[in-house]
Amino acid sequence: MATDYDIRLEIAYRYETPAGSSRTLLRMLPLTSAEQTLISGFVDTDPEPDFRRDSADFFGNATTELAHDRPLTEIAFRFAGRVRRLGGAPGLDLSTDLARLHGDIAEVVGIGPDAPHHFLGESERIRHESRIAAFAAELVQPDMSALSATCAISHAVHSRFEFDPEATEVTTLPIEAFEARRGVCQDISHVTIAALRAVGIPAGYVSGFLRTTPPPGQPRLEGADAMHAWVRAWCGAETGWVEIDPTNDIVVGADHIAVAIGRDYADVAPVRGSLRTEGTHTTVHRVDVIPCNDPVG
């Protein structure tokens, strides 16, 4: 069964003093994959840029490069579009035993964007941390399937954390959030990825959206008010990549719409760039993910 979603995203900045020579890289356009299709949509900016180039990065994420060469007191980046998301119950666990997973990884000879090799070592935001590694090692056994180990670690991280939007910042290190036991989806996903890699499971980061309003009788998921993050793990040659949401302790399904994939947040940040400015700035982040067959009031 498929669900169509109308999605609106706005990330806006207001500067205390005019900012000039802005250079920005956006990753805001949802992916098209086996699980979802971008039916229509466009990324734009207000004011319009002096230069724009649309492309894709190594991992296949849509990118938009922008340049503004005039002073700005405010700027807004927006996406509006429609995505079709497939749903379905998880299949049988055919993943490789954890003890044999390294053999499956070694047999992957390619180094394309989906190769597990890119997702096993350290990355820009995720370093090896002995305390996270010890935490993960206590949760798994060599005879566990890779999928079972992934779910066990995800569940344990979820149980450890309290979702707290005020506890961390975008630059917070995974070990800091792990020790504080508080954070948001970015922190929870980073800690889960660090734990999975520590036990030999290739793991990456997914940014995207959550359905804003749940179906009747179901709880509202954490992270639905802004862009969300979850985890993908490579569970062997037979199973390949699976996606889990440790923030909500669930397997990713029809309520999740992916925008970008990478090794960690640094690879998928929706807005990155540089500009010349003085003083402070404020940011507004708005997200709506509305099923097309649901009434909109």
Protein backbone atom coordinates (compact mmCIF):
# COMPACT_ATOMS: atom_id res chain seq x y z
CA MET A 1 0.00 0.00 0.00
CA ALA A 2 1.26 3.48 -0.86
CA THR A 3 0.59 6.84 0.74
CA ASP A 4 1.01 10.20 -0.97
CA TYR A 5 2.19 13.09 1.17
CA ASP A 6 2.16 16.81 0.48
CA ILE A 7 5.26 18.23 2.14
CA ARG A 8 6.27 21.79 2.95
CA LEU A 9 9.59 22.74 4.51
CA GLU A 10 10.90 26.20 5.28
CA ILE A 11 14.21 27.06 6.96
CA ALA A 12 14.52 30.82 7.39
CA TYR A 13 17.21 33.07 8.83
CA ARG A 14 17.03 36.67 10.00
CA TYR A 15 20.29 38.60 10.59
CA GLU A 16 20.84 41.38 13.12
CA THR A 17 23.06 43.18 10.61
CA PRO A 18 23.02 42.68 6.81
CA ALA A 19 24.96 39.62 5.68
CA GLY A 20 26.82 39.59 2.40
CA SER A 21 28.47 37.13 0.00
CA SER A 22 26.38 34.16 1.03
CA ARG A 23 27.28 30.71 -0.34
CA THR A 24 24.89 27.87 0.49
CA LEU A 25 24.55 24.15 -0.20
CA LEU A 26 21.04 22.70 0.29
CA ARG A 27 19.90 19.08 0.62
CA MET A 28 16.13 19.49 0.86
CA LEU A 29 14.71 17.54 -2.10
CA PRO A 30 13.40 14.07 -1.08
CA LEU A 31 15.03 10.98 -2.53
CA THR A 32 13.53 8.67 -5.10
CA SER A 33 14.24 5.05 -4.15
CA ALA A 34 12.65 1.60 -4.03
CA GLU A 35 10.55 2.75 -1.06
CA GLN A 36 9.45 6.19 -2.24
CA THR A 37 8.99 8.35 -5.31
CA LEU A 38 9.24 12.10 -5.62
CA ILE A 39 6.13 12.85 -7.69
CA SER A 40 6.69 16.60 -7.88
CA GLY A 41 8.53 19.28 -6.01
CA PHE A 42 10.95 22.16 -6.14
CA VAL A 43 13.49 23.85 -3.88
CA ASP A 44 13.53 27.63 -3.98
CA THR A 45 14.81 30.58 -2.01
CA ASP A 46 13.62 34.05 -1.12
CA PRO A 47 15.27 36.27 -2.26
CA GLU A 48 16.25 34.59 -5.50
CA PRO A 49 19.95 33.74 -5.80
CA ASP A 50 22.49 35.34 -8.11
CA PHE A 51 23.75 31.85 -8.96
CA ARG A 52 22.15 28.41 -8.74
CA ARG A 53 23.26 24.91 -9.68
CA ASP A 54 21.28 21.70 -9.06
CA SER A 55 23.22 18.46 -8.92
CA ALA A 56 23.74 15.34 -6.80
CA ASP A 57 26.44 14.31 -4.34
CA PHE A 58 28.36 11.03 -4.05
CA PHE A 59 25.55 9.32 -2.14
CA GLY A 60 22.92 10.32 -4.71
CA ASN A 61 21.36 13.11 -2.64
CA ALA A 62 19.94 16.02 -4.60
CA THR A 63 21.92 19.20 -3.94
CA THR A 64 21.30 22.86 -4.72
CA GLU A 65 24.23 25.28 -4.71
CA LEU A 66 23.33 28.96 -4.26
CA ALA A 67 25.14 32.26 -4.20
CA HIS A 68 23.77 35.61 -3.02
CA ASP A 69 26.07 38.52 -3.79
CA ARG A 70 24.01 41.29 -2.22
CA PRO A 71 23.42 42.15 1.44
CA LEU A 72 20.73 40.08 3.15
CA THR A 73 18.76 40.85 6.27
CA GLU A 74 16.75 37.65 5.93
CA ILE A 75 16.61 34.60 3.71
CA ALA A 76 14.30 31.61 3.44
CA PHE A 77 14.95 28.21 1.86
CA ARG A 78 11.85 26.22 0.93
CA PHE A 79 10.75 22.88 -0.44
CA ALA A 80 7.18 22.08 -1.48
CA GLY A 81 6.16 18.89 -3.20
CA ARG A 82 4.47 15.51 -3.17
CA VAL A 83 6.05 12.14 -2.33
CA ARG A 84 4.59 8.65 -2.66
CA ARG A 85 5.77 6.35 0.15
CA LEU A 86 5.34 2.59 0.08
CA GLY A 87 4.48 0.75 3.28
CA GLY A 88 4.53 -2.88 4.29
CA ALA A 89 5.26 -5.23 7.13
CA PRO A 90 8.88 -6.27 7.77
CA GLY A 91 9.86 -9.57 6.15
CA LEU A 92 11.65 -12.57 7.58
CA ASP A 93 15.03 -12.06 9.21
CA LEU A 94 17.47 -13.46 6.64
CA SER A 95 20.39 -11.36 7.80
CA THR A 96 23.88 -12.75 8.34
CA ASP A 97 25.06 -13.86 11.78
CA LEU A 98 27.12 -11.15 13.43
CA ALA A 99 30.16 -13.44 13.56
CA ARG A 100 30.06 -13.88 9.77
CA LEU A 101 29.10 -10.34 8.80
CA HIS A 102 32.71 -9.28 8.24
CA GLY A 103 32.95 -12.00 5.58
CA ASP A 104 29.94 -10.61 3.72
CA ILE A 105 31.47 -7.14 3.88
CA ALA A 106 34.79 -8.39 2.51
CA GLU A 107 33.02 -9.98 -0.47
CA VAL A 108 31.60 -6.62 -1.58
CA VAL A 109 34.16 -5.58 -4.19
CA GLY A 110 32.59 -2.31 -5.32
CA ILE A 111 32.98 1.05 -3.61
CA GLY A 112 29.83 2.70 -4.92
CA PRO A 113 27.69 4.91 -2.69
CA ASP A 114 25.77 1.96 -1.20
CA ALA A 115 28.85 -0.15 -0.43
CA PRO A 116 29.07 -1.02 3.29
CA HIS A 117 32.77 -0.11 3.41
CA HIS A 118 31.97 3.64 3.61
CA PHE A 119 29.84 3.14 6.72
CA LEU A 120 32.03 1.02 8.99
CA GLY A 121 34.85 3.32 10.12
CA GLU A 122 34.97 6.76 11.66
CA SER A 123 33.37 9.72 9.89
CA GLU A 124 33.39 13.48 10.39
CA ARG A 125 30.88 13.55 13.26
CA ILE A 126 31.29 10.01 14.59
CA ARG A 127 34.52 8.79 16.17
CA HIS A 128 35.24 5.53 17.95
CA GLU A 129 34.31 5.96 21.61
CA SER A 130 35.30 3.19 24.02
CA ARG A 131 32.34 3.84 26.33
CA ILE A 132 29.82 3.57 23.52
CA ALA A 133 31.63 0.48 22.21
CA ALA A 134 31.48 -1.17 25.64
CA PHE A 135 27.77 -0.33 25.89
CA ALA A 136 27.13 -1.98 22.51
CA ALA A 137 29.28 -5.05 23.23
CA GLU A 138 27.14 -5.94 26.24
CA LEU A 139 24.03 -6.09 24.05
CA VAL A 140 25.11 -8.54 21.34
CA GLN A 141 26.40 -12.08 20.91
CA PRO A 142 28.30 -13.51 17.91
CA ASP A 143 25.46 -15.89 17.04
CA MET A 144 22.88 -13.09 16.84
CA SER A 145 21.70 -12.10 13.40
CA ALA A 146 22.86 -8.68 12.24
CA LEU A 147 19.26 -7.49 12.17
CA SER A 148 18.58 -8.72 15.70
CA ALA A 149 21.75 -7.01 16.92
CA THR A 150 20.75 -3.80 15.15
CA CYS A 151 17.31 -3.82 16.77
CA ALA A 152 18.77 -4.64 20.19
CA ILE A 153 21.17 -1.71 20.03
CA SER A 154 18.50 0.65 18.72
CA HIS A 155 16.13 -0.35 21.51
CA ALA A 156 18.82 0.08 24.16
CA VAL A 157 19.78 3.54 22.91
CA HIS A 158 16.12 4.54 22.86
CA SER A 159 15.69 3.30 26.43
CA ARG A 160 18.75 5.25 27.57
CA PHE A 161 17.74 8.63 26.11
CA GLU A 162 15.17 11.21 27.07
CA PHE A 163 14.07 13.23 24.05
CA ASP A 164 14.97 16.82 24.97
CA PRO A 165 15.21 19.56 22.30
CA GLU A 166 16.91 21.90 24.76
CA ALA A 167 19.69 19.54 25.86
CA THR A 168 21.99 19.64 22.84
CA GLU A 169 23.06 21.69 19.83
CA VAL A 170 23.85 20.72 16.26
CA THR A 171 27.56 20.52 17.17
CA THR A 172 27.10 18.26 20.23
CA LEU A 173 29.37 15.22 20.07
CA PRO A 174 27.81 11.73 20.29
CA ILE A 175 29.75 10.91 23.48
CA GLU A 176 28.44 14.09 25.15
CA ALA A 177 24.84 13.17 24.37
CA PHE A 178 25.48 9.55 25.39
CA GLU A 179 26.75 10.58 28.81
CA ALA A 180 24.00 13.17 29.31
CA ARG A 181 21.33 10.60 28.32
CA ARG A 182 19.39 13.39 26.63
CA GLY A 183 19.11 14.81 23.15
CA VAL A 184 17.22 14.90 19.89
CA CYS A 185 16.99 12.60 16.88
CA GLN A 186 20.40 13.70 15.57
CA ASP A 187 22.11 12.75 18.85
CA ILE A 188 20.19 9.48 19.22
CA SER A 189 20.99 8.48 15.64
CA HIS A 190 24.68 9.37 16.00
CA VAL A 191 25.02 7.29 19.17
CA THR A 192 23.23 4.35 17.54
CA ILE A 193 25.50 4.54 14.50
CA ALA A 194 28.61 4.67 16.71
CA ALA A 195 27.38 1.62 18.65
CA LEU A 196 26.57 -0.37 15.50
CA ARG A 197 29.94 0.36 13.90
CA ALA A 198 31.68 -0.64 17.13
CA VAL A 199 30.27 -4.19 16.83
CA GLY A 200 31.06 -4.43 13.11
CA ILE A 201 27.73 -3.42 11.56
CA PRO A 202 28.03 -0.78 8.82
CA ALA A 203 25.65 2.05 9.68
CA GLY A 204 24.69 5.41 8.22
CA TYR A 205 22.50 8.44 8.81
CA VAL A 206 19.22 9.32 7.11
CA SER A 207 17.60 12.75 7.21
CA GLY A 208 13.98 13.22 6.31
CA PHE A 209 10.44 13.89 7.43
CA LEU A 210 7.86 12.25 9.64
CA ARG A 211 4.13 12.31 9.07
CA THR A 212 2.97 15.32 11.10
CA THR A 213 -0.38 13.92 12.26
CA PRO A 214 -0.60 10.20 13.14
CA PRO A 215 -3.46 7.92 12.08
CA PRO A 216 -6.36 7.68 14.55
CA GLY A 217 -5.44 5.73 17.66
CA GLN A 218 -1.67 5.93 17.10
CA PRO A 219 0.75 8.09 19.13
CA ARG A 220 2.46 11.10 17.63
CA LEU A 221 6.11 10.32 16.91
CA GLU A 222 8.96 12.33 18.38
CA GLY A 223 10.61 14.60 15.81
CA ALA A 224 7.53 15.30 13.69
CA ASP A 225 7.79 19.08 14.13
CA ALA A 226 11.05 19.45 12.22
CA MET A 227 13.31 17.46 9.92
CA HIS A 228 13.89 14.04 11.46
CA ALA A 229 16.82 11.62 11.49
CA TRP A 230 17.13 7.85 11.67
CA VAL A 231 19.61 5.06 10.97
CA ARG A 232 20.34 2.60 8.18
CA ALA A 233 22.33 -0.56 8.87
CA TRP A 234 23.84 -3.08 6.43
CA CYS A 235 22.85 -6.57 7.62
CA GLY A 236 24.56 -8.81 5.09
CA ALA A 237 24.47 -9.66 1.41
CA GLU A 238 21.02 -11.28 1.56
CA THR A 239 19.25 -8.53 3.53
CA GLY A 240 21.24 -5.46 2.56
CA TRP A 241 20.25 -2.14 4.12
CA VAL A 242 17.52 -1.84 6.74
CA GLU A 243 16.31 1.37 8.38
CA ILE A 244 15.40 1.86 12.04
CA ASP A 245 14.25 4.87 14.03
CA PRO A 246 15.86 4.68 17.49
CA THR A 247 14.25 7.95 18.57
CA ASN A 248 10.86 6.25 18.40
CA ASP A 249 12.06 2.64 18.81
CA ILE A 250 10.44 1.46 15.58
CA VAL A 251 11.36 0.04 12.20
CA VAL A 252 11.12 2.75 9.55
CA GLY A 253 7.88 2.57 7.62
CA ALA A 254 5.34 4.54 5.64
CA ASP A 255 5.44 7.50 8.06
CA HIS A 256 9.09 8.23 7.16
CA ILE A 257 10.10 10.15 4.02
CA ALA A 258 13.85 10.19 3.31
CA VAL A 259 15.63 13.28 2.02
CA ALA A 260 19.33 12.37 2.19
CA ILE A 261 21.64 9.57 3.28
CA GLY A 262 25.25 9.68 4.43
CA ARG A 263 27.74 8.58 7.04
CA ASP A 264 26.56 11.14 9.59
CA TYR A 265 24.86 14.53 9.82
CA ALA A 266 27.76 16.28 8.07
CA ASP A 267 26.88 14.44 4.85
CA VAL A 268 23.17 15.30 4.91
CA ALA A 269 22.77 18.72 6.58
CA PRO A 270 19.82 20.45 4.85
CA VAL A 271 21.58 23.83 4.90
CA ARG A 272 25.34 24.39 4.88
CA GLY A 273 27.26 27.44 3.85
CA SER A 274 29.17 30.56 4.70
CA LEU A 275 28.58 34.30 4.71
CA ARG A 276 30.01 37.55 6.04
CA THR A 277 28.05 39.05 8.88
CA GLU A 278 28.25 40.55 12.36
CA GLY A 279 25.95 40.17 15.32
CA THR A 280 23.41 37.45 15.97
CA HIS A 281 20.82 35.70 13.87
CA THR A 282 17.57 33.82 14.46
CA THR A 283 16.34 30.68 12.72
CA VAL A 284 12.82 29.43 12.04
CA HIS A 285 12.19 25.82 10.99
CA ARG A 286 8.71 24.81 9.72
CA VAL A 287 7.59 21.38 8.49
CA ASP A 288 4.22 20.03 7.35
CA VAL A 289 3.79 16.44 6.15
CA ILE A 290 0.14 15.92 5.25
CA PRO A 291 -1.30 12.67 3.80
CA CYS A 292 -3.20 13.59 0.65
CA ASN A 293 -6.24 11.51 1.55
CA ASP A 294 -6.56 13.10 5.00
CA PRO A 295 -8.64 16.25 5.53
CA VAL A 296 -6.60 19.42 5.86
CA GLY A 297 -8.14 21.99 8.18
